[in-house]
Amino acid sequence: MEELVKDRGLDGDVQPFYGTCSYTGEALFLMQVGDMGFFFWNALDDSMYYVKGNLTLEKIVSGLDEQGLNAFDLEEI
């Protein structure tokens, strides 16, 4: 994952937190990159999104449970 992040011009320690499996029809991963914030990476189409706003990990997990990705203001990287 570190190379994936660096290839997009992001720098910092990568901390993966959450992932779904492709057998569910998704391959979505949540990670924190240094002090830059949280990012979602979709392994199926190799897209990456920055989670805008000053959200905690707990708020992100709660938002995912309640509304999925629609809970967030995302910026494609």
N, C-alpha and C. Protein backbone atom coordinates (compact mmCIF):
# COMPACT_ATOMS: atom_id res chain seq x y z
N MET A 1 0.81 -1.20 0.00
CA MET A 1 0.00 0.00 0.00
C MET A 1 0.86 1.26 0.00
N GLU A 2 2.05 1.17 0.57
CA GLU A 2 2.90 2.36 0.63
C GLU A 2 3.27 2.86 -0.76
N GLU A 3 3.58 1.94 -1.68
CA GLU A 3 3.91 2.35 -3.05
C GLU A 3 2.70 2.98 -3.73
N LEU A 4 1.55 2.40 -3.51
CA LEU A 4 0.30 2.92 -4.06
C LEU A 4 0.08 4.37 -3.64
N VAL A 5 0.34 4.66 -2.38
CA VAL A 5 0.17 6.00 -1.83
C VAL A 5 1.22 6.95 -2.40
N LYS A 6 2.46 6.51 -2.44
CA LYS A 6 3.55 7.35 -2.96
C LYS A 6 3.36 7.65 -4.45
N ASP A 7 2.83 6.68 -5.20
CA ASP A 7 2.58 6.90 -6.63
C ASP A 7 1.58 8.02 -6.87
N ARG A 8 0.76 8.33 -5.88
CA ARG A 8 -0.22 9.41 -5.99
C ARG A 8 0.29 10.72 -5.38
N GLY A 9 1.57 10.76 -5.02
CA GLY A 9 2.17 11.98 -4.51
C GLY A 9 1.90 12.24 -3.04
N LEU A 10 1.43 11.23 -2.32
CA LEU A 10 1.17 11.38 -0.89
C LEU A 10 2.37 10.86 -0.11
N ASP A 11 2.64 11.47 1.03
CA ASP A 11 3.80 11.07 1.80
C ASP A 11 3.42 10.93 3.27
N GLY A 12 3.88 9.87 3.88
CA GLY A 12 3.63 9.64 5.30
C GLY A 12 3.50 8.15 5.57
N ASP A 13 3.54 7.81 6.84
CA ASP A 13 3.36 6.42 7.23
C ASP A 13 1.94 5.98 6.93
N VAL A 14 1.80 4.83 6.30
CA VAL A 14 0.49 4.31 5.94
C VAL A 14 0.01 3.36 7.03
N GLN A 15 -1.17 3.65 7.56
CA GLN A 15 -1.78 2.80 8.58
C GLN A 15 -3.11 2.29 8.02
N PRO A 16 -3.14 1.02 7.56
CA PRO A 16 -4.41 0.47 7.09
C PRO A 16 -5.31 0.14 8.28
N PHE A 17 -6.61 0.45 8.17
CA PHE A 17 -7.54 0.23 9.26
C PHE A 17 -8.67 -0.73 8.93
N TYR A 18 -9.11 -0.75 7.69
CA TYR A 18 -10.36 -1.43 7.37
C TYR A 18 -10.30 -1.92 5.93
N GLY A 19 -10.86 -3.07 5.68
CA GLY A 19 -10.93 -3.57 4.31
C GLY A 19 -12.11 -4.50 4.12
N THR A 20 -12.66 -4.50 2.91
CA THR A 20 -13.70 -5.45 2.55
C THR A 20 -13.12 -6.40 1.52
N CYS A 21 -13.71 -7.54 1.37
CA CYS A 21 -13.20 -8.57 0.47
C CYS A 21 -13.90 -8.53 -0.88
N SER A 22 -13.19 -8.95 -1.91
CA SER A 22 -13.75 -8.90 -3.25
C SER A 22 -14.93 -9.84 -3.43
N TYR A 23 -15.04 -10.90 -2.63
CA TYR A 23 -16.19 -11.80 -2.79
C TYR A 23 -17.50 -11.12 -2.40
N THR A 24 -17.44 -9.98 -1.71
CA THR A 24 -18.65 -9.22 -1.39
C THR A 24 -19.03 -8.27 -2.53
N GLY A 25 -18.19 -8.24 -3.56
CA GLY A 25 -18.42 -7.32 -4.66
C GLY A 25 -17.70 -6.00 -4.48
N GLU A 26 -16.95 -5.88 -3.39
CA GLU A 26 -16.17 -4.68 -3.10
C GLU A 26 -14.76 -5.08 -2.69
N ALA A 27 -13.85 -4.20 -2.86
CA ALA A 27 -12.50 -4.35 -2.33
C ALA A 27 -12.07 -2.96 -1.89
N LEU A 28 -12.64 -2.50 -0.81
CA LEU A 28 -12.46 -1.13 -0.33
C LEU A 28 -11.63 -1.13 0.93
N PHE A 29 -10.64 -0.25 0.98
CA PHE A 29 -9.74 -0.18 2.12
C PHE A 29 -9.68 1.25 2.65
N LEU A 30 -9.69 1.39 3.96
CA LEU A 30 -9.53 2.67 4.64
C LEU A 30 -8.13 2.72 5.23
N MET A 31 -7.45 3.82 5.01
CA MET A 31 -6.10 4.00 5.58
C MET A 31 -5.91 5.44 6.01
N GLN A 32 -4.97 5.61 6.92
CA GLN A 32 -4.54 6.95 7.32
C GLN A 32 -3.11 7.10 6.82
N VAL A 33 -2.82 8.25 6.23
CA VAL A 33 -1.49 8.51 5.70
C VAL A 33 -0.87 9.65 6.49
N GLY A 34 0.08 9.29 7.36
CA GLY A 34 0.74 10.27 8.21
C GLY A 34 -0.26 11.19 8.87
N ASP A 35 0.00 12.49 8.82
CA ASP A 35 -0.93 13.47 9.38
C ASP A 35 -1.80 14.10 8.29
N MET A 36 -1.82 13.47 7.10
CA MET A 36 -2.59 14.00 5.97
C MET A 36 -4.07 13.67 6.06
N GLY A 37 -4.43 12.68 6.84
CA GLY A 37 -5.84 12.32 6.99
C GLY A 37 -6.13 10.91 6.52
N PHE A 38 -7.42 10.66 6.26
CA PHE A 38 -7.90 9.34 5.91
C PHE A 38 -8.23 9.26 4.42
N PHE A 39 -8.00 8.07 3.87
CA PHE A 39 -8.22 7.81 2.45
C PHE A 39 -8.89 6.46 2.28
N PHE A 40 -9.78 6.38 1.28
CA PHE A 40 -10.33 5.11 0.85
C PHE A 40 -9.67 4.73 -0.46
N TRP A 41 -9.31 3.45 -0.60
CA TRP A 41 -8.77 2.94 -1.86
C TRP A 41 -9.66 1.79 -2.32
N ASN A 42 -10.13 1.88 -3.55
CA ASN A 42 -10.93 0.82 -4.16
C ASN A 42 -9.99 -0.02 -5.02
N ALA A 43 -9.71 -1.24 -4.57
CA ALA A 43 -8.76 -2.10 -5.27
C ALA A 43 -9.30 -2.60 -6.61
N LEU A 44 -10.61 -2.63 -6.78
CA LEU A 44 -11.18 -3.14 -8.03
C LEU A 44 -10.92 -2.19 -9.20
N ASP A 45 -11.03 -0.89 -8.97
CA ASP A 45 -10.79 0.06 -10.07
C ASP A 45 -9.60 0.97 -9.80
N ASP A 46 -8.87 0.71 -8.72
CA ASP A 46 -7.66 1.45 -8.33
C ASP A 46 -7.92 2.94 -8.11
N SER A 47 -9.12 3.28 -7.68
CA SER A 47 -9.41 4.68 -7.36
C SER A 47 -9.11 4.95 -5.89
N MET A 48 -8.77 6.19 -5.59
CA MET A 48 -8.48 6.58 -4.21
C MET A 48 -9.18 7.90 -3.91
N TYR A 49 -9.71 7.99 -2.70
CA TYR A 49 -10.48 9.17 -2.29
C TYR A 49 -10.00 9.67 -0.93
N TYR A 50 -9.83 10.97 -0.84
CA TYR A 50 -9.51 11.63 0.42
C TYR A 50 -10.81 11.94 1.14
N VAL A 51 -10.86 11.63 2.44
CA VAL A 51 -12.03 11.93 3.25
C VAL A 51 -11.88 13.36 3.77
N LYS A 52 -12.66 14.28 3.22
CA LYS A 52 -12.57 15.69 3.62
C LYS A 52 -13.20 15.91 4.99
N GLY A 53 -12.70 16.89 5.70
CA GLY A 53 -13.22 17.20 7.03
C GLY A 53 -12.32 16.62 8.09
N ASN A 54 -12.46 17.11 9.26
CA ASN A 54 -11.63 16.68 10.39
C ASN A 54 -12.35 15.57 11.14
N LEU A 55 -12.40 14.38 10.53
CA LEU A 55 -13.14 13.26 11.11
C LEU A 55 -12.21 12.31 11.85
N THR A 56 -12.71 11.74 12.91
CA THR A 56 -11.96 10.72 13.65
C THR A 56 -12.24 9.36 13.03
N LEU A 57 -11.42 8.41 13.37
CA LEU A 57 -11.63 7.04 12.90
C LEU A 57 -12.99 6.53 13.33
N GLU A 58 -13.37 6.84 14.55
CA GLU A 58 -14.66 6.38 15.08
C GLU A 58 -15.83 6.95 14.26
N LYS A 59 -15.74 8.23 13.88
CA LYS A 59 -16.81 8.84 13.09
C LYS A 59 -16.87 8.24 11.69
N ILE A 60 -15.72 7.91 11.14
CA ILE A 60 -15.70 7.30 9.81
C ILE A 60 -16.33 5.91 9.85
N VAL A 61 -15.97 5.11 10.83
CA VAL A 61 -16.54 3.77 10.95
C VAL A 61 -18.05 3.85 11.16
N SER A 62 -18.48 4.77 12.00
CA SER A 62 -19.91 4.95 12.25
C SER A 62 -20.64 5.37 10.97
N GLY A 63 -20.04 6.29 10.23
CA GLY A 63 -20.63 6.74 8.97
C GLY A 63 -20.74 5.62 7.96
N LEU A 64 -19.70 4.78 7.88
CA LEU A 64 -19.75 3.63 6.97
C LEU A 64 -20.89 2.69 7.33
N ASP A 65 -21.04 2.43 8.61
CA ASP A 65 -22.11 1.53 9.07
C ASP A 65 -23.49 2.08 8.72
N GLU A 66 -23.66 3.39 8.85
CA GLU A 66 -24.97 4.00 8.67
C GLU A 66 -25.32 4.30 7.21
N GLN A 67 -24.34 4.83 6.45
CA GLN A 67 -24.65 5.33 5.10
C GLN A 67 -23.67 4.88 4.02
N GLY A 68 -22.67 4.11 4.38
CA GLY A 68 -21.65 3.75 3.40
C GLY A 68 -20.84 4.99 3.01
N LEU A 69 -20.31 4.99 1.81
CA LEU A 69 -19.49 6.12 1.36
C LEU A 69 -20.28 7.41 1.20
N ASN A 70 -21.59 7.31 1.10
CA ASN A 70 -22.42 8.51 0.98
C ASN A 70 -22.36 9.39 2.23
N ALA A 71 -21.83 8.88 3.31
CA ALA A 71 -21.73 9.64 4.56
C ALA A 71 -20.63 10.70 4.51
N PHE A 72 -19.79 10.66 3.47
CA PHE A 72 -18.59 11.49 3.47
C PHE A 72 -18.51 12.42 2.27
N ASP A 73 -17.78 13.51 2.49
CA ASP A 73 -17.40 14.42 1.42
C ASP A 73 -16.04 13.92 0.94
N LEU A 74 -16.00 13.31 -0.25
CA LEU A 74 -14.79 12.68 -0.76
C LEU A 74 -14.21 13.46 -1.93
N GLU A 75 -12.89 13.45 -2.01
CA GLU A 75 -12.18 14.07 -3.13
C GLU A 75 -11.32 13.00 -3.78
N GLU A 76 -11.51 12.77 -5.08
CA GLU A 76 -10.73 11.75 -5.77
C GLU A 76 -9.28 12.20 -5.91
N ILE A 77 -8.38 11.28 -5.63
CA ILE A 77 -6.93 11.55 -5.71
C ILE A 77 -6.38 10.89 -6.97
